[in-house]
PDB file of all heavy atoms in Angstrom:
ATOM      1  N   TYR A   1       0.814  -1.199   0.005  1.00  0.00           N
ATOM      2  CA  TYR A   1       0.000  -0.004  -0.008  1.00  0.00           C
ATOM      3  C   TYR A   1       0.852   1.252   0.008  1.00  0.00           C
ATOM      4  O   TYR A   1       0.461   2.295  -0.541  1.00  0.00           O
ATOM      5  CB  TYR A   1      -0.909   0.007   1.241  1.00  0.00           C
ATOM      6  CG  TYR A   1      -2.014  -1.008   1.198  1.00  0.00           C
ATOM      7  CD1 TYR A   1      -1.799  -2.306   1.652  1.00  0.00           C
ATOM      8  CD2 TYR A   1      -3.283  -0.720   0.714  1.00  0.00           C
ATOM      9  CE1 TYR A   1      -2.832  -3.269   1.640  1.00  0.00           C
ATOM     10  CE2 TYR A   1      -4.297  -1.642   0.655  1.00  0.00           C
ATOM     11  CZ  TYR A   1      -4.063  -2.924   1.147  1.00  0.00           C
ATOM     12  OH  TYR A   1      -5.048  -3.852   1.086  1.00  0.00           O
ATOM     13  N   THR A   2       2.027   1.197   0.613  1.00  0.00           N
ATOM     14  CA  THR A   2       2.888   2.356   0.673  1.00  0.00           C
ATOM     15  C   THR A   2       3.362   2.779  -0.727  1.00  0.00           C
ATOM     16  O   THR A   2       3.674   3.958  -0.942  1.00  0.00           O
ATOM     17  CB  THR A   2       4.136   2.064   1.555  1.00  0.00           C
ATOM     18  OG1 THR A   2       4.733   0.849   1.121  1.00  0.00           O
ATOM     19  CG2 THR A   2       3.699   1.895   3.000  1.00  0.00           C
ATOM     20  N   ASP A   3       3.370   1.886  -1.682  1.00  0.00           N
ATOM     21  CA  ASP A   3       3.732   2.235  -3.039  1.00  0.00           C
ATOM     22  C   ASP A   3       2.642   3.052  -3.729  1.00  0.00           C
ATOM     23  O   ASP A   3       2.934   3.820  -4.667  1.00  0.00           O
ATOM     24  CB  ASP A   3       3.997   0.961  -3.884  1.00  0.00           C
ATOM     25  CG  ASP A   3       5.168   0.176  -3.388  1.00  0.00           C
ATOM     26  OD1 ASP A   3       6.079   0.753  -2.738  1.00  0.00           O
ATOM     27  OD2 ASP A   3       5.184  -1.062  -3.597  1.00  0.00           O
ATOM     28  N   LEU A   4       1.406   2.891  -3.277  1.00  0.00           N
ATOM     29  CA  LEU A   4       0.257   3.501  -3.981  1.00  0.00           C
ATOM     30  C   LEU A   4       0.206   5.014  -3.863  1.00  0.00           C
ATOM     31  O   LEU A   4      -0.482   5.649  -4.634  1.00  0.00           O
ATOM     32  CB  LEU A   4      -1.036   2.878  -3.507  1.00  0.00           C
ATOM     33  CG  LEU A   4      -1.207   1.388  -3.750  1.00  0.00           C
ATOM     34  CD1 LEU A   4      -2.511   0.890  -3.138  1.00  0.00           C
ATOM     35  CD2 LEU A   4      -1.235   1.110  -5.288  1.00  0.00           C
ATOM     36  N   THR A   5       0.933   5.566  -2.930  1.00  0.00           N
ATOM     37  CA  THR A   5       0.917   7.043  -2.769  1.00  0.00           C
ATOM     38  C   THR A   5       1.760   7.723  -3.813  1.00  0.00           C
ATOM     39  O   THR A   5       1.714   8.964  -3.936  1.00  0.00           O
ATOM     40  CB  THR A   5       1.390   7.449  -1.357  1.00  0.00           C
ATOM     41  OG1 THR A   5       2.737   6.924  -1.167  1.00  0.00           O
ATOM     42  CG2 THR A   5       0.469   6.869  -0.301  1.00  0.00           C
ATOM     43  N   ASP A   6       2.504   6.954  -4.591  1.00  0.00           N
ATOM     44  CA  ASP A   6       3.298   7.532  -5.698  1.00  0.00           C
ATOM     45  C   ASP A   6       2.328   8.092  -6.768  1.00  0.00           C
ATOM     46  O   ASP A   6       1.296   7.526  -7.045  1.00  0.00           O
ATOM     47  CB  ASP A   6       4.181   6.449  -6.320  1.00  0.00           C
ATOM     48  CG  ASP A   6       5.218   7.071  -7.269  1.00  0.00           C
ATOM     49  OD1 ASP A   6       4.804   7.475  -8.388  1.00  0.00           O
ATOM     50  OD2 ASP A   6       6.409   7.096  -6.938  1.00  0.00           O
ATOM     51  N   GLU A   7       2.697   9.210  -7.404  1.00  0.00           N
ATOM     52  CA  GLU A   7       1.886   9.843  -8.361  1.00  0.00           C
ATOM     53  C   GLU A   7       1.524   8.944  -9.559  1.00  0.00           C
ATOM     54  O   GLU A   7       0.455   9.097 -10.168  1.00  0.00           O
ATOM     55  CB  GLU A   7       2.600  11.116  -8.891  1.00  0.00           C
ATOM     56  CG  GLU A   7       1.821  11.944  -9.918  1.00  0.00           C
ATOM     57  CD  GLU A   7       0.511  12.559  -9.329  1.00  0.00           C
ATOM     58  OE1 GLU A   7       0.486  12.722  -8.110  1.00  0.00           O
ATOM     59  OE2 GLU A   7      -0.392  12.794 -10.135  1.00  0.00           O
ATOM     60  N   LYS A   8       2.407   7.968  -9.869  1.00  0.00           N
ATOM     61  CA  LYS A   8       2.092   7.092 -11.017  1.00  0.00           C
ATOM     62  C   LYS A   8       0.894   6.222 -10.776  1.00  0.00           C
ATOM     63  O   LYS A   8       0.324   5.670 -11.749  1.00  0.00           O
ATOM     64  CB  LYS A   8       3.310   6.258 -11.339  1.00  0.00           C
ATOM     65  CG  LYS A   8       3.676   5.228 -10.290  1.00  0.00           C
ATOM     66  CD  LYS A   8       4.993   4.485 -10.712  1.00  0.00           C
ATOM     67  CE  LYS A   8       5.478   3.530  -9.625  1.00  0.00           C
ATOM     68  NZ  LYS A   8       6.773   2.922 -10.006  1.00  0.00           N
ATOM     69  N   TRP A   9       0.431   6.089  -9.502  1.00  0.00           N
ATOM     70  CA  TRP A   9      -0.745   5.282  -9.254  1.00  0.00           C
ATOM     71  C   TRP A   9      -1.961   6.148  -8.961  1.00  0.00           C
ATOM     72  O   TRP A   9      -2.985   5.644  -8.506  1.00  0.00           O
ATOM     73  CB  TRP A   9      -0.496   4.368  -8.044  1.00  0.00           C
ATOM     74  CG  TRP A   9       0.610   3.393  -8.243  1.00  0.00           C
ATOM     75  CD1 TRP A   9       1.846   3.359  -7.665  1.00  0.00           C
ATOM     76  CD2 TRP A   9       0.604   2.292  -9.165  1.00  0.00           C
ATOM     77  NE1 TRP A   9       2.581   2.317  -8.124  1.00  0.00           N
ATOM     78  CE2 TRP A   9       1.856   1.633  -9.071  1.00  0.00           C
ATOM     79  CE3 TRP A   9      -0.359   1.793 -10.059  1.00  0.00           C
ATOM     80  CZ2 TRP A   9       2.190   0.517  -9.843  1.00  0.00           C
ATOM     81  CZ3 TRP A   9      -0.048   0.670 -10.837  1.00  0.00           C
ATOM     82  CH2 TRP A   9       1.230   0.058 -10.703  1.00  0.00           C
ATOM     83  N   LYS A  10      -1.881   7.431  -9.278  1.00  0.00           N
ATOM     84  CA  LYS A  10      -3.003   8.361  -9.055  1.00  0.00           C
ATOM     85  C   LYS A  10      -4.243   7.857  -9.766  1.00  0.00           C
ATOM     86  O   LYS A  10      -4.248   7.590 -10.983  1.00  0.00           O
ATOM     87  CB  LYS A  10      -2.618   9.739  -9.590  1.00  0.00           C
ATOM     88  CG  LYS A  10      -3.727  10.804  -9.516  1.00  0.00           C
ATOM     89  CD  LYS A  10      -4.001  11.202  -8.080  1.00  0.00           C
ATOM     90  CE  LYS A  10      -5.001  12.342  -8.023  1.00  0.00           C
ATOM     91  NZ  LYS A  10      -5.368  12.685  -6.592  1.00  0.00           N
ATOM     92  N   ASP A  11      -5.318   7.644  -9.003  1.00  0.00           N
ATOM     93  CA  ASP A  11      -6.637   7.204  -9.492  1.00  0.00           C
ATOM     94  C   ASP A  11      -6.602   5.830 -10.131  1.00  0.00           C
ATOM     95  O   ASP A  11      -7.529   5.451 -10.824  1.00  0.00           O
ATOM     96  CB  ASP A  11      -7.209   8.188 -10.481  1.00  0.00           C
ATOM     97  CG  ASP A  11      -7.581   9.516  -9.827  1.00  0.00           C
ATOM     98  OD1 ASP A  11      -7.985   9.532  -8.644  1.00  0.00           O
ATOM     99  OD2 ASP A  11      -7.478  10.572 -10.504  1.00  0.00           O
ATOM    100  N   LYS A  12      -5.520   5.048  -9.843  1.00  0.00           N
ATOM    101  CA  LYS A  12      -5.440   3.708 -10.444  1.00  0.00           C
ATOM    102  C   LYS A  12      -5.960   2.640  -9.494  1.00  0.00           C
ATOM    103  O   LYS A  12      -6.104   1.482  -9.896  1.00  0.00           O
ATOM    104  CB  LYS A  12      -3.974   3.407 -10.811  1.00  0.00           C
ATOM    105  CG  LYS A  12      -3.379   4.300 -11.859  1.00  0.00           C
ATOM    106  CD  LYS A  12      -4.062   4.124 -13.192  1.00  0.00           C
ATOM    107  CE  LYS A  12      -3.380   4.960 -14.256  1.00  0.00           C
ATOM    108  NZ  LYS A  12      -4.089   4.828 -15.568  1.00  0.00           N
ATOM    109  N   TYR A  13      -6.222   2.980  -8.247  1.00  0.00           N
ATOM    110  CA  TYR A  13      -6.691   1.963  -7.324  1.00  0.00           C
ATOM    111  C   TYR A  13      -7.989   2.430  -6.652  1.00  0.00           C
ATOM    112  O   TYR A  13      -8.168   3.610  -6.324  1.00  0.00           O
ATOM    113  CB  TYR A  13      -5.639   1.648  -6.258  1.00  0.00           C
ATOM    114  CG  TYR A  13      -5.103   2.832  -5.461  1.00  0.00           C
ATOM    115  CD1 TYR A  13      -5.637   3.137  -4.181  1.00  0.00           C
ATOM    116  CD2 TYR A  13      -4.083   3.618  -5.958  1.00  0.00           C
ATOM    117  CE1 TYR A  13      -5.158   4.217  -3.479  1.00  0.00           C
ATOM    118  CE2 TYR A  13      -3.575   4.698  -5.215  1.00  0.00           C
ATOM    119  CZ  TYR A  13      -4.143   4.975  -4.003  1.00  0.00           C
ATOM    120  OH  TYR A  13      -3.678   6.049  -3.272  1.00  0.00           O
ATOM    121  N   THR A  14      -8.865   1.461  -6.446  1.00  0.00           N
ATOM    122  CA  THR A  14     -10.177   1.755  -5.801  1.00  0.00           C
ATOM    123  C   THR A  14     -10.122   1.395  -4.323  1.00  0.00           C
ATOM    124  O   THR A  14      -9.718   0.281  -3.935  1.00  0.00           O
ATOM    125  CB  THR A  14     -11.296   0.995  -6.482  1.00  0.00           C
ATOM    126  OG1 THR A  14     -11.394   1.383  -7.868  1.00  0.00           O
ATOM    127  CG2 THR A  14     -12.628   1.170  -5.796  1.00  0.00           C
ATOM    128  N   ILE A  15     -10.533   2.337  -3.496  1.00  0.00           N
ATOM    129  CA  ILE A  15     -10.661   2.131  -2.041  1.00  0.00           C
ATOM    130  C   ILE A  15     -12.153   1.902  -1.759  1.00  0.00           C
ATOM    131  O   ILE A  15     -12.981   2.772  -2.072  1.00  0.00           O
ATOM    132  CB  ILE A  15     -10.139   3.323  -1.260  1.00  0.00           C
ATOM    133  CG1 ILE A  15      -8.636   3.567  -1.582  1.00  0.00           C
ATOM    134  CG2 ILE A  15     -10.325   3.138   0.252  1.00  0.00           C
ATOM    135  CD1 ILE A  15      -8.105   4.876  -1.018  1.00  0.00           C
ATOM    136  N   LEU A  16     -12.506   0.805  -1.159  1.00  0.00           N
ATOM    137  CA  LEU A  16     -13.904   0.548  -0.813  1.00  0.00           C
ATOM    138  C   LEU A  16     -14.330   1.439   0.330  1.00  0.00           C
ATOM    139  O   LEU A  16     -13.581   1.775   1.214  1.00  0.00           O
ATOM    140  CB  LEU A  16     -14.073  -0.924  -0.423  1.00  0.00           C
ATOM    141  CG  LEU A  16     -13.746  -1.967  -1.539  1.00  0.00           C
ATOM    142  CD1 LEU A  16     -14.092  -3.380  -1.057  1.00  0.00           C
ATOM    143  CD2 LEU A  16     -14.499  -1.640  -2.819  1.00  0.00           C
ATOM    144  N   ASN A  17     -15.586   1.871   0.290  1.00  0.00           N
ATOM    145  CA  ASN A  17     -16.063   2.859   1.258  1.00  0.00           C
ATOM    146  C   ASN A  17     -15.939   2.328   2.696  1.00  0.00           C
ATOM    147  O   ASN A  17     -15.998   1.117   2.916  1.00  0.00           O
ATOM    148  CB  ASN A  17     -17.489   3.294   0.909  1.00  0.00           C
ATOM    149  CG  ASN A  17     -18.530   2.257   1.312  1.00  0.00           C
ATOM    150  OD1 ASN A  17     -18.860   2.090   2.486  1.00  0.00           O
ATOM    151  ND2 ASN A  17     -19.038   1.546   0.326  1.00  0.00           N
ATOM    152  N   PHE A  18     -15.805   3.232   3.616  1.00  0.00           N
ATOM    153  CA  PHE A  18     -15.571   2.874   4.995  1.00  0.00           C
ATOM    154  C   PHE A  18     -16.812   2.548   5.781  1.00  0.00           C
ATOM    155  O   PHE A  18     -16.777   2.302   6.982  1.00  0.00           O
ATOM    156  CB  PHE A  18     -14.795   4.003   5.704  1.00  0.00           C
ATOM    157  CG  PHE A  18     -13.454   4.301   5.022  1.00  0.00           C
ATOM    158  CD1 PHE A  18     -13.151   5.617   4.661  1.00  0.00           C
ATOM    159  CD2 PHE A  18     -12.595   3.297   4.733  1.00  0.00           C
ATOM    160  CE1 PHE A  18     -11.939   5.883   4.043  1.00  0.00           C
ATOM    161  CE2 PHE A  18     -11.374   3.566   4.079  1.00  0.00           C
ATOM    162  CZ  PHE A  18     -11.072   4.871   3.748  1.00  0.00           C
ATOM    163  N   GLY A  19     -17.971   2.491   5.056  1.00  0.00           N
ATOM    164  CA  GLY A  19     -19.174   1.964   5.713  1.00  0.00           C
ATOM    165  C   GLY A  19     -19.199   0.458   5.733  1.00  0.00           C
ATOM    166  O   GLY A  19     -19.982  -0.144   6.468  1.00  0.00           O
ATOM    167  N   GLY A  20     -18.364  -0.183   4.910  1.00  0.00           N
ATOM    168  CA  GLY A  20     -18.291  -1.625   4.819  1.00  0.00           C
ATOM    169  C   GLY A  20     -17.140  -2.173   5.628  1.00  0.00           C
ATOM    170  O   GLY A  20     -16.146  -1.508   5.917  1.00  0.00           O
ATOM    171  N   GLY A  21     -17.250  -3.449   5.978  1.00  0.00           N
ATOM    172  CA  GLY A  21     -16.220  -4.099   6.784  1.00  0.00           C
ATOM    173  C   GLY A  21     -14.884  -4.167   6.139  1.00  0.00           C
ATOM    174  O   GLY A  21     -13.855  -3.971   6.806  1.00  0.00           O
ATOM    175  N   THR A  22     -14.817  -4.476   4.858  1.00  0.00           N
ATOM    176  CA  THR A  22     -13.543  -4.574   4.164  1.00  0.00           C
ATOM    177  C   THR A  22     -12.813  -3.225   4.176  1.00  0.00           C
ATOM    178  O   THR A  22     -11.631  -3.179   4.482  1.00  0.00           O
ATOM    179  CB  THR A  22     -13.744  -5.081   2.716  1.00  0.00           C
ATOM    180  OG1 THR A  22     -14.265  -6.415   2.775  1.00  0.00           O
ATOM    181  CG2 THR A  22     -12.446  -5.053   1.959  1.00  0.00           C
ATOM    182  N   GLY A  23     -13.512  -2.172   3.785  1.00  0.00           N
ATOM    183  CA  GLY A  23     -12.875  -0.861   3.723  1.00  0.00           C
ATOM    184  C   GLY A  23     -12.350  -0.444   5.089  1.00  0.00           C
ATOM    185  O   GLY A  23     -11.230   0.060   5.237  1.00  0.00           O
ATOM    186  N   LYS A  24     -13.158  -0.621   6.127  1.00  0.00           N
ATOM    187  CA  LYS A  24     -12.778  -0.220   7.486  1.00  0.00           C
ATOM    188  C   LYS A  24     -11.567  -1.034   7.968  1.00  0.00           C
ATOM    189  O   LYS A  24     -10.640  -0.500   8.567  1.00  0.00           O
ATOM    190  CB  LYS A  24     -13.919  -0.374   8.463  1.00  0.00           C
ATOM    191  CG  LYS A  24     -14.945   0.676   8.374  1.00  0.00           C
ATOM    192  CD  LYS A  24     -15.751   0.791   9.657  1.00  0.00           C
ATOM    193  CE  LYS A  24     -16.474  -0.461  10.028  1.00  0.00           C
ATOM    194  NZ  LYS A  24     -17.384  -0.274  11.187  1.00  0.00           N
ATOM    195  N   THR A  25     -11.603  -2.335   7.697  1.00  0.00           N
ATOM    196  CA  THR A  25     -10.528  -3.191   8.225  1.00  0.00           C
ATOM    197  C   THR A  25      -9.209  -2.943   7.539  1.00  0.00           C
ATOM    198  O   THR A  25      -8.136  -2.942   8.155  1.00  0.00           O
ATOM    199  CB  THR A  25     -10.921  -4.683   8.093  1.00  0.00           C
ATOM    200  OG1 THR A  25     -12.200  -4.902   8.773  1.00  0.00           O
ATOM    201  CG2 THR A  25      -9.892  -5.589   8.728  1.00  0.00           C
ATOM    202  N   ILE A  26      -9.260  -2.703   6.227  1.00  0.00           N
ATOM    203  CA  ILE A  26      -8.011  -2.399   5.524  1.00  0.00           C
ATOM    204  C   ILE A  26      -7.453  -1.048   5.985  1.00  0.00           C
ATOM    205  O   ILE A  26      -6.230  -0.914   6.200  1.00  0.00           O
ATOM    206  CB  ILE A  26      -8.225  -2.415   3.983  1.00  0.00           C
ATOM    207  CG1 ILE A  26      -8.422  -3.867   3.503  1.00  0.00           C
ATOM    208  CG2 ILE A  26      -7.042  -1.747   3.257  1.00  0.00           C
ATOM    209  CD1 ILE A  26      -8.653  -4.008   2.015  1.00  0.00           C
ATOM    210  N   LEU A  27      -8.342  -0.097   6.221  1.00  0.00           N
ATOM    211  CA  LEU A  27      -7.881   1.218   6.790  1.00  0.00           C
ATOM    212  C   LEU A  27      -7.193   0.955   8.130  1.00  0.00           C
ATOM    213  O   LEU A  27      -6.091   1.466   8.376  1.00  0.00           O
ATOM    214  CB  LEU A  27      -9.079   2.104   6.947  1.00  0.00           C
ATOM    215  CG  LEU A  27      -8.796   3.429   7.769  1.00  0.00           C
ATOM    216  CD1 LEU A  27      -7.801   4.320   6.996  1.00  0.00           C
ATOM    217  CD2 LEU A  27     -10.092   4.168   8.038  1.00  0.00           C
TER     218      LEU A  27
END
C-alpha cells in the first residue's frame, strides 16, 4: 500500500467505502 501514494498510481486503485467491513478493516 505504501507504493500506492506515488503519483504514477494516481486514481489507479479503488478504495472501498468505509461503511463496509472490508474498507474499514483495511484502513
